[in-house]
Amino acid sequence: MVFTLPAAIADIAYQNKAVIYDLLFKVSAETMLTIAADPKHLGARIGITSVLHTWGSALTHHPHVHMIVPGGGISLDGQRWVACRPGFFLPVRVLSRLFRRRFLEALNQAHRTGALQFFGEYAGLSDARAFAAWLAPLREVISPLERLPTA
């Protein structure tokens, strides 16, 4: 699984690496754990190994997290293995929507607490109203999740 951020957030991530990368790791993991535990989807506790990549293949700043996940998990009662459907782990749209909402909430919280710093062309985003206006269109464009082919 791959969780990535749109270019606009990547730009402020470049100025706020520790905060944004931490949010990317935490929110992507929380998203996977939440949806995997939901009985409508997998109904299991899963394991995750995450790796941060900050550059894309074109050598441009493109922060994204690659996740290695098993093809299932331990049942919520801890008694058995729950396998995912063949060739399908979790629904991408469900994961994407939850990730988008939680990431933007966490980013807003980071802004409210003063954890983010802005320089150069982004200096105006220090203002709460300007930041909210800048963030508004991103609620629709973040499609951070790609499903990688299974072997």
N, C-alpha and C. Protein backbone atom coordinates (compact mmCIF):
# COMPACT_ATOMS: atom_id res chain seq x y z
N MET A 1 0.86 -1.17 0.00
CA MET A 1 0.00 0.00 0.00
C MET A 1 0.91 1.23 0.00
N VAL A 2 0.42 2.29 -0.66
CA VAL A 2 1.18 3.54 -0.70
C VAL A 2 0.23 4.68 -0.34
N PHE A 3 0.63 5.48 0.65
CA PHE A 3 -0.09 6.69 1.01
C PHE A 3 0.79 7.86 0.60
N THR A 4 0.24 8.76 -0.18
CA THR A 4 1.03 9.90 -0.65
C THR A 4 0.27 11.20 -0.44
N LEU A 5 0.98 12.31 -0.57
CA LEU A 5 0.39 13.62 -0.36
C LEU A 5 0.41 14.40 -1.66
N PRO A 6 -0.57 15.29 -1.87
CA PRO A 6 -0.55 16.12 -3.07
C PRO A 6 0.59 17.14 -3.02
N ALA A 7 0.92 17.70 -4.16
CA ALA A 7 2.05 18.62 -4.28
C ALA A 7 1.96 19.80 -3.31
N ALA A 8 0.76 20.34 -3.11
CA ALA A 8 0.62 21.49 -2.21
C ALA A 8 1.09 21.16 -0.79
N ILE A 9 0.68 20.02 -0.31
CA ILE A 9 1.11 19.63 1.05
C ILE A 9 2.58 19.23 1.04
N ALA A 10 3.05 18.64 -0.05
CA ALA A 10 4.48 18.32 -0.16
C ALA A 10 5.31 19.59 -0.04
N ASP A 11 4.81 20.69 -0.61
CA ASP A 11 5.54 21.96 -0.52
C ASP A 11 5.69 22.43 0.92
N ILE A 12 4.62 22.35 1.70
CA ILE A 12 4.76 22.78 3.10
C ILE A 12 5.47 21.71 3.92
N ALA A 13 5.42 20.46 3.47
CA ALA A 13 6.16 19.40 4.15
C ALA A 13 7.66 19.68 4.05
N TYR A 14 8.08 20.23 2.94
CA TYR A 14 9.50 20.53 2.77
C TYR A 14 9.98 21.52 3.83
N GLN A 15 9.08 22.39 4.27
CA GLN A 15 9.42 23.37 5.30
C GLN A 15 9.11 22.85 6.71
N ASN A 16 8.40 21.73 6.81
CA ASN A 16 7.96 21.19 8.10
C ASN A 16 8.11 19.68 8.12
N LYS A 17 9.29 19.21 7.75
CA LYS A 17 9.51 17.77 7.56
C LYS A 17 9.10 16.94 8.78
N ALA A 18 9.60 17.27 9.94
CA ALA A 18 9.34 16.44 11.12
C ALA A 18 7.85 16.33 11.41
N VAL A 19 7.13 17.44 11.33
CA VAL A 19 5.70 17.44 11.66
C VAL A 19 4.91 16.67 10.60
N ILE A 20 5.10 17.01 9.34
CA ILE A 20 4.28 16.41 8.28
C ILE A 20 4.62 14.93 8.10
N TYR A 21 5.90 14.57 8.14
CA TYR A 21 6.26 13.16 7.98
C TYR A 21 5.72 12.34 9.15
N ASP A 22 5.76 12.91 10.35
CA ASP A 22 5.19 12.23 11.51
C ASP A 22 3.69 12.01 11.31
N LEU A 23 2.99 13.03 10.83
CA LEU A 23 1.55 12.89 10.56
C LEU A 23 1.30 11.84 9.49
N LEU A 24 2.13 11.83 8.46
CA LEU A 24 1.95 10.87 7.38
C LEU A 24 2.07 9.44 7.90
N PHE A 25 3.09 9.19 8.72
CA PHE A 25 3.24 7.85 9.33
C PHE A 25 2.06 7.50 10.23
N LYS A 26 1.75 8.41 11.16
CA LYS A 26 0.72 8.11 12.16
C LYS A 26 -0.66 7.94 11.54
N VAL A 27 -1.05 8.87 10.68
CA VAL A 27 -2.40 8.83 10.13
C VAL A 27 -2.56 7.66 9.16
N SER A 28 -1.54 7.36 8.38
CA SER A 28 -1.66 6.21 7.46
C SER A 28 -1.78 4.91 8.26
N ALA A 29 -1.01 4.77 9.32
CA ALA A 29 -1.09 3.55 10.14
C ALA A 29 -2.45 3.46 10.85
N GLU A 30 -2.90 4.58 11.43
CA GLU A 30 -4.20 4.58 12.10
C GLU A 30 -5.32 4.23 11.13
N THR A 31 -5.22 4.73 9.92
CA THR A 31 -6.23 4.45 8.90
C THR A 31 -6.27 2.96 8.59
N MET A 32 -5.11 2.37 8.35
CA MET A 32 -5.06 0.94 8.04
C MET A 32 -5.59 0.11 9.19
N LEU A 33 -5.17 0.41 10.41
CA LEU A 33 -5.60 -0.36 11.57
C LEU A 33 -7.10 -0.24 11.80
N THR A 34 -7.64 0.96 11.60
CA THR A 34 -9.08 1.19 11.81
C THR A 34 -9.92 0.41 10.80
N ILE A 35 -9.58 0.52 9.53
CA ILE A 35 -10.38 -0.14 8.50
C ILE A 35 -10.20 -1.66 8.57
N ALA A 36 -9.00 -2.12 8.85
CA ALA A 36 -8.77 -3.57 8.97
C ALA A 36 -9.56 -4.15 10.14
N ALA A 37 -9.69 -3.41 11.23
CA ALA A 37 -10.41 -3.91 12.40
C ALA A 37 -11.92 -3.90 12.21
N ASP A 38 -12.41 -3.13 11.28
CA ASP A 38 -13.84 -3.03 11.05
C ASP A 38 -14.37 -4.36 10.51
N PRO A 39 -15.34 -4.97 11.19
CA PRO A 39 -15.89 -6.26 10.74
C PRO A 39 -16.52 -6.21 9.34
N LYS A 40 -16.88 -5.02 8.87
CA LYS A 40 -17.41 -4.91 7.50
C LYS A 40 -16.31 -5.11 6.46
N HIS A 41 -15.07 -5.01 6.88
CA HIS A 41 -13.97 -5.12 5.92
C HIS A 41 -13.16 -6.38 6.19
N LEU A 42 -12.25 -6.35 7.16
CA LEU A 42 -11.46 -7.55 7.47
C LEU A 42 -11.81 -8.11 8.85
N GLY A 43 -12.02 -7.23 9.81
CA GLY A 43 -12.35 -7.67 11.16
C GLY A 43 -11.17 -8.30 11.87
N ALA A 44 -9.99 -7.68 11.69
CA ALA A 44 -8.78 -8.28 12.26
C ALA A 44 -7.77 -7.19 12.64
N ARG A 45 -6.86 -7.57 13.54
CA ARG A 45 -5.71 -6.72 13.89
C ARG A 45 -4.59 -7.09 12.93
N ILE A 46 -4.04 -6.09 12.25
CA ILE A 46 -2.99 -6.35 11.27
C ILE A 46 -1.65 -5.82 11.74
N GLY A 47 -0.63 -6.27 11.10
CA GLY A 47 0.72 -5.75 11.30
C GLY A 47 1.07 -4.86 10.12
N ILE A 48 1.96 -3.91 10.35
CA ILE A 48 2.37 -2.97 9.29
C ILE A 48 3.85 -2.68 9.44
N THR A 49 4.54 -2.65 8.33
CA THR A 49 5.89 -2.09 8.27
C THR A 49 5.82 -0.93 7.29
N SER A 50 6.22 0.26 7.73
CA SER A 50 6.14 1.46 6.88
C SER A 50 7.52 2.02 6.61
N VAL A 51 7.68 2.52 5.39
CA VAL A 51 8.93 3.14 4.96
C VAL A 51 8.60 4.47 4.30
N LEU A 52 9.27 5.52 4.72
CA LEU A 52 9.07 6.84 4.14
C LEU A 52 9.98 7.03 2.93
N HIS A 53 9.40 7.46 1.83
CA HIS A 53 10.15 7.92 0.67
C HIS A 53 9.82 9.40 0.52
N THR A 54 10.83 10.22 0.34
CA THR A 54 10.58 11.66 0.21
C THR A 54 10.75 12.15 -1.21
N TRP A 55 11.24 11.31 -2.09
CA TRP A 55 11.47 11.70 -3.48
C TRP A 55 10.80 10.71 -4.40
N GLY A 56 10.27 11.20 -5.50
CA GLY A 56 9.67 10.34 -6.51
C GLY A 56 10.71 9.90 -7.52
N SER A 57 10.29 9.13 -8.48
CA SER A 57 11.22 8.61 -9.49
C SER A 57 11.81 9.72 -10.35
N ALA A 58 11.14 10.86 -10.44
CA ALA A 58 11.67 12.00 -11.21
C ALA A 58 12.60 12.86 -10.35
N LEU A 59 12.94 12.37 -9.16
CA LEU A 59 13.80 13.08 -8.21
C LEU A 59 13.25 14.44 -7.81
N THR A 60 11.95 14.50 -7.64
CA THR A 60 11.29 15.68 -7.11
C THR A 60 10.75 15.33 -5.73
N HIS A 61 10.58 16.35 -4.90
CA HIS A 61 10.07 16.12 -3.56
C HIS A 61 8.64 15.58 -3.65
N HIS A 62 8.47 14.37 -3.19
CA HIS A 62 7.18 13.67 -3.31
C HIS A 62 7.04 12.72 -2.12
N PRO A 63 6.69 13.26 -0.93
CA PRO A 63 6.62 12.40 0.26
C PRO A 63 5.49 11.38 0.18
N HIS A 64 5.85 10.15 0.47
CA HIS A 64 4.86 9.08 0.50
C HIS A 64 5.38 7.94 1.38
N VAL A 65 4.46 7.17 1.90
CA VAL A 65 4.79 6.04 2.77
C VAL A 65 4.40 4.75 2.05
N HIS A 66 5.35 3.84 1.96
CA HIS A 66 5.07 2.50 1.46
C HIS A 66 4.81 1.63 2.68
N MET A 67 3.76 0.83 2.61
CA MET A 67 3.42 -0.08 3.70
C MET A 67 3.47 -1.52 3.20
N ILE A 68 4.10 -2.33 3.99
CA ILE A 68 4.05 -3.78 3.76
C ILE A 68 3.09 -4.32 4.79
N VAL A 69 2.05 -4.99 4.32
CA VAL A 69 1.02 -5.54 5.21
C VAL A 69 0.82 -7.01 4.86
N PRO A 70 0.47 -7.82 5.83
CA PRO A 70 0.20 -9.22 5.52
C PRO A 70 -1.14 -9.36 4.80
N GLY A 71 -1.40 -10.51 4.29
CA GLY A 71 -2.66 -10.77 3.59
C GLY A 71 -3.77 -11.13 4.54
N GLY A 72 -3.80 -10.52 5.71
CA GLY A 72 -4.83 -10.78 6.69
C GLY A 72 -4.35 -10.32 8.05
N GLY A 73 -5.00 -10.85 9.11
CA GLY A 73 -4.62 -10.46 10.45
C GLY A 73 -5.22 -11.40 11.47
N ILE A 74 -4.94 -11.11 12.72
CA ILE A 74 -5.44 -11.91 13.83
C ILE A 74 -6.86 -11.43 14.16
N SER A 75 -7.79 -12.37 14.32
CA SER A 75 -9.17 -12.00 14.64
C SER A 75 -9.21 -11.12 15.88
N LEU A 76 -10.24 -10.32 15.98
CA LEU A 76 -10.35 -9.38 17.10
C LEU A 76 -10.39 -10.07 18.45
N ASP A 77 -10.84 -11.34 18.49
CA ASP A 77 -10.83 -12.08 19.75
C ASP A 77 -9.50 -12.80 19.97
N GLY A 78 -8.57 -12.66 19.02
CA GLY A 78 -7.23 -13.25 19.15
C GLY A 78 -7.17 -14.75 18.95
N GLN A 79 -8.20 -15.35 18.40
CA GLN A 79 -8.28 -16.80 18.34
C GLN A 79 -7.91 -17.41 16.99
N ARG A 80 -7.91 -16.61 15.91
CA ARG A 80 -7.66 -17.22 14.60
C ARG A 80 -7.11 -16.20 13.62
N TRP A 81 -6.60 -16.72 12.51
CA TRP A 81 -6.13 -15.90 11.41
C TRP A 81 -7.31 -15.58 10.50
N VAL A 82 -7.43 -14.33 10.09
CA VAL A 82 -8.47 -13.90 9.16
C VAL A 82 -7.77 -13.48 7.87
N ALA A 83 -7.94 -14.25 6.83
CA ALA A 83 -7.30 -13.95 5.54
C ALA A 83 -8.16 -12.96 4.76
N CYS A 84 -7.49 -12.11 3.99
CA CYS A 84 -8.24 -11.22 3.11
C CYS A 84 -8.69 -12.00 1.88
N ARG A 85 -9.56 -11.38 1.11
CA ARG A 85 -9.99 -12.02 -0.13
C ARG A 85 -8.79 -12.10 -1.07
N PRO A 86 -8.73 -13.09 -1.92
CA PRO A 86 -7.60 -13.22 -2.86
C PRO A 86 -7.45 -11.97 -3.74
N GLY A 87 -6.24 -11.42 -3.77
CA GLY A 87 -5.94 -10.27 -4.61
C GLY A 87 -6.53 -8.95 -4.13
N PHE A 88 -7.11 -8.92 -2.91
CA PHE A 88 -7.77 -7.71 -2.42
C PHE A 88 -7.57 -7.63 -0.92
N PHE A 89 -7.01 -6.53 -0.44
CA PHE A 89 -6.78 -6.41 0.99
C PHE A 89 -7.89 -5.61 1.66
N LEU A 90 -7.94 -4.32 1.37
CA LEU A 90 -8.96 -3.45 1.95
C LEU A 90 -9.44 -2.49 0.87
N PRO A 91 -10.67 -1.97 0.99
CA PRO A 91 -11.21 -1.09 -0.05
C PRO A 91 -10.47 0.26 -0.11
N VAL A 92 -9.93 0.55 -1.27
CA VAL A 92 -9.12 1.75 -1.46
C VAL A 92 -9.91 3.02 -1.20
N ARG A 93 -11.14 3.10 -1.69
CA ARG A 93 -11.92 4.33 -1.48
C ARG A 93 -12.21 4.59 -0.02
N VAL A 94 -12.49 3.55 0.73
CA VAL A 94 -12.76 3.69 2.16
C VAL A 94 -11.49 4.18 2.87
N LEU A 95 -10.37 3.55 2.55
CA LEU A 95 -9.10 3.96 3.14
C LEU A 95 -8.76 5.41 2.77
N SER A 96 -8.94 5.74 1.51
CA SER A 96 -8.61 7.07 1.03
C SER A 96 -9.43 8.15 1.73
N ARG A 97 -10.73 7.93 1.86
CA ARG A 97 -11.58 8.93 2.51
C ARG A 97 -11.21 9.13 3.97
N LEU A 98 -10.97 8.03 4.69
CA LEU A 98 -10.61 8.15 6.10
C LEU A 98 -9.25 8.82 6.25
N PHE A 99 -8.29 8.43 5.42
CA PHE A 99 -6.96 9.04 5.48
C PHE A 99 -7.06 10.54 5.22
N ARG A 100 -7.77 10.92 4.16
CA ARG A 100 -7.90 12.34 3.80
C ARG A 100 -8.47 13.12 4.97
N ARG A 101 -9.58 12.64 5.54
CA ARG A 101 -10.22 13.36 6.64
C ARG A 101 -9.29 13.47 7.85
N ARG A 102 -8.72 12.36 8.25
CA ARG A 102 -7.87 12.37 9.45
C ARG A 102 -6.58 13.17 9.24
N PHE A 103 -6.01 13.07 8.03
CA PHE A 103 -4.77 13.83 7.78
C PHE A 103 -5.05 15.32 7.83
N LEU A 104 -6.11 15.77 7.19
CA LEU A 104 -6.42 17.19 7.19
C LEU A 104 -6.80 17.68 8.59
N GLU A 105 -7.48 16.85 9.36
CA GLU A 105 -7.76 17.23 10.76
C GLU A 105 -6.46 17.37 11.55
N ALA A 106 -5.55 16.44 11.37
CA ALA A 106 -4.27 16.49 12.09
C ALA A 106 -3.44 17.69 11.63
N LEU A 107 -3.48 17.99 10.34
CA LEU A 107 -2.75 19.14 9.81
C LEU A 107 -3.32 20.44 10.38
N ASN A 108 -4.64 20.53 10.44
CA ASN A 108 -5.28 21.70 11.06
C ASN A 108 -4.87 21.84 12.53
N GLN A 109 -4.85 20.72 13.24
CA GLN A 109 -4.45 20.75 14.65
C GLN A 109 -3.01 21.22 14.80
N ALA A 110 -2.14 20.72 13.93
CA ALA A 110 -0.73 21.15 13.97
C ALA A 110 -0.63 22.65 13.73
N HIS A 111 -1.44 23.16 12.83
CA HIS A 111 -1.42 24.61 12.58
C HIS A 111 -1.92 25.37 13.80
N ARG A 112 -3.04 24.90 14.39
CA ARG A 112 -3.61 25.58 15.57
C ARG A 112 -2.64 25.63 16.74
N THR A 113 -1.83 24.60 16.90
CA THR A 113 -0.89 24.56 18.03
C THR A 113 0.44 25.25 17.72
N GLY A 114 0.56 25.78 16.51
CA GLY A 114 1.79 26.49 16.14
C GLY A 114 2.94 25.57 15.76
N ALA A 115 2.64 24.32 15.47
CA ALA A 115 3.70 23.36 15.13
C ALA A 115 4.25 23.55 13.72
N LEU A 116 3.50 24.26 12.87
CA LEU A 116 3.94 24.45 11.49
C LEU A 116 4.57 25.83 11.32
N GLN A 117 5.59 25.89 10.48
CA GLN A 117 6.24 27.16 10.17
C GLN A 117 6.19 27.36 8.66
N PHE A 118 6.05 28.61 8.24
CA PHE A 118 5.93 28.91 6.82
C PHE A 118 6.91 30.00 6.44
N PHE A 119 7.54 29.81 5.29
CA PHE A 119 8.55 30.75 4.81
C PHE A 119 8.30 31.06 3.34
N GLY A 120 8.92 32.14 2.87
CA GLY A 120 8.86 32.48 1.46
C GLY A 120 7.43 32.66 0.98
N GLU A 121 7.11 32.05 -0.16
CA GLU A 121 5.78 32.21 -0.75
C GLU A 121 4.65 31.67 0.14
N TYR A 122 5.00 30.85 1.13
CA TYR A 122 3.98 30.28 2.02
C TYR A 122 3.87 31.01 3.35
N ALA A 123 4.59 32.11 3.53
CA ALA A 123 4.59 32.84 4.81
C ALA A 123 3.19 33.26 5.23
N GLY A 124 2.33 33.59 4.29
CA GLY A 124 0.97 34.02 4.61
C GLY A 124 0.12 32.94 5.23
N LEU A 125 0.54 31.68 5.10
CA LEU A 125 -0.24 30.57 5.67
C LEU A 125 -0.15 30.50 7.18
N SER A 126 0.66 31.34 7.78
CA SER A 126 0.70 31.41 9.24
C SER A 126 -0.63 31.90 9.80
N ASP A 127 -1.34 32.71 9.01
CA ASP A 127 -2.65 33.21 9.39
C ASP A 127 -3.67 32.08 9.30
N ALA A 128 -4.48 31.92 10.34
CA ALA A 128 -5.45 30.81 10.40
C ALA A 128 -6.46 30.85 9.25
N ARG A 129 -6.96 32.03 8.92
CA ARG A 129 -7.93 32.12 7.82
C ARG A 129 -7.29 31.79 6.48
N ALA A 130 -6.10 32.26 6.26
CA ALA A 130 -5.40 31.97 5.00
C ALA A 130 -5.11 30.48 4.89
N PHE A 131 -4.73 29.88 6.01
CA PHE A 131 -4.44 28.44 6.00
C PHE A 131 -5.71 27.65 5.71
N ALA A 132 -6.82 28.02 6.33
CA ALA A 132 -8.09 27.32 6.10
C ALA A 132 -8.52 27.45 4.64
N ALA A 133 -8.36 28.63 4.06
CA ALA A 133 -8.73 28.83 2.66
C ALA A 133 -7.81 28.02 1.74
N TRP A 134 -6.54 27.95 2.07
CA TRP A 134 -5.58 27.18 1.27
C TRP A 134 -5.89 25.69 1.35
N LEU A 135 -6.32 25.25 2.52
CA LEU A 135 -6.57 23.83 2.75
C LEU A 135 -7.91 23.35 2.16
N ALA A 136 -8.87 24.25 2.04
CA ALA A 136 -10.23 23.87 1.60
C ALA A 136 -10.25 23.04 0.31
N PRO A 137 -9.59 23.45 -0.77
CA PRO A 137 -9.67 22.65 -2.00
C PRO A 137 -8.99 21.28 -1.86
N LEU A 138 -8.09 21.15 -0.92
CA LEU A 138 -7.38 19.88 -0.75
C LEU A 138 -8.30 18.80 -0.19
N ARG A 139 -9.38 19.19 0.42
CA ARG A 139 -10.33 18.20 0.94
C ARG A 139 -10.89 17.34 -0.18
N GLU A 140 -10.88 17.85 -1.39
CA GLU A 140 -11.42 17.12 -2.53
C GLU A 140 -10.35 16.42 -3.35
N VAL A 141 -9.11 16.89 -3.34
CA VAL A 141 -8.13 16.36 -4.28
C VAL A 141 -7.21 15.28 -3.73
N ILE A 142 -7.13 15.13 -2.44
CA ILE A 142 -6.21 14.13 -1.92
C ILE A 142 -6.76 12.74 -2.24
N SER A 143 -6.07 12.03 -3.06
CA SER A 143 -6.34 10.61 -3.32
C SER A 143 -5.05 9.88 -3.00
N PRO A 144 -4.76 9.74 -1.72
CA PRO A 144 -3.42 9.38 -1.31
C PRO A 144 -3.07 7.91 -1.41
N LEU A 145 -3.98 7.12 -1.87
CA LEU A 145 -3.73 5.71 -1.73
C LEU A 145 -3.76 5.02 -3.09
N GLU A 146 -2.77 4.24 -3.32
CA GLU A 146 -2.73 3.41 -4.51
C GLU A 146 -2.64 1.98 -4.04
N ARG A 147 -3.32 1.11 -4.70
CA ARG A 147 -3.19 -0.29 -4.36
C ARG A 147 -2.15 -0.90 -5.28
N LEU A 148 -1.13 -1.45 -4.72
CA LEU A 148 -0.09 -2.08 -5.52
C LEU A 148 -0.51 -3.48 -5.89
N PRO A 149 -0.08 -3.95 -7.05
CA PRO A 149 -0.45 -5.31 -7.45
C PRO A 149 0.08 -6.34 -6.46
N THR A 150 -0.69 -7.39 -6.28
CA THR A 150 -0.24 -8.48 -5.40
C THR A 150 0.46 -9.52 -6.24
N ALA A 151 1.35 -10.25 -5.62
CA ALA A 151 2.12 -11.26 -6.33
C ALA A 151 1.28 -12.48 -6.64
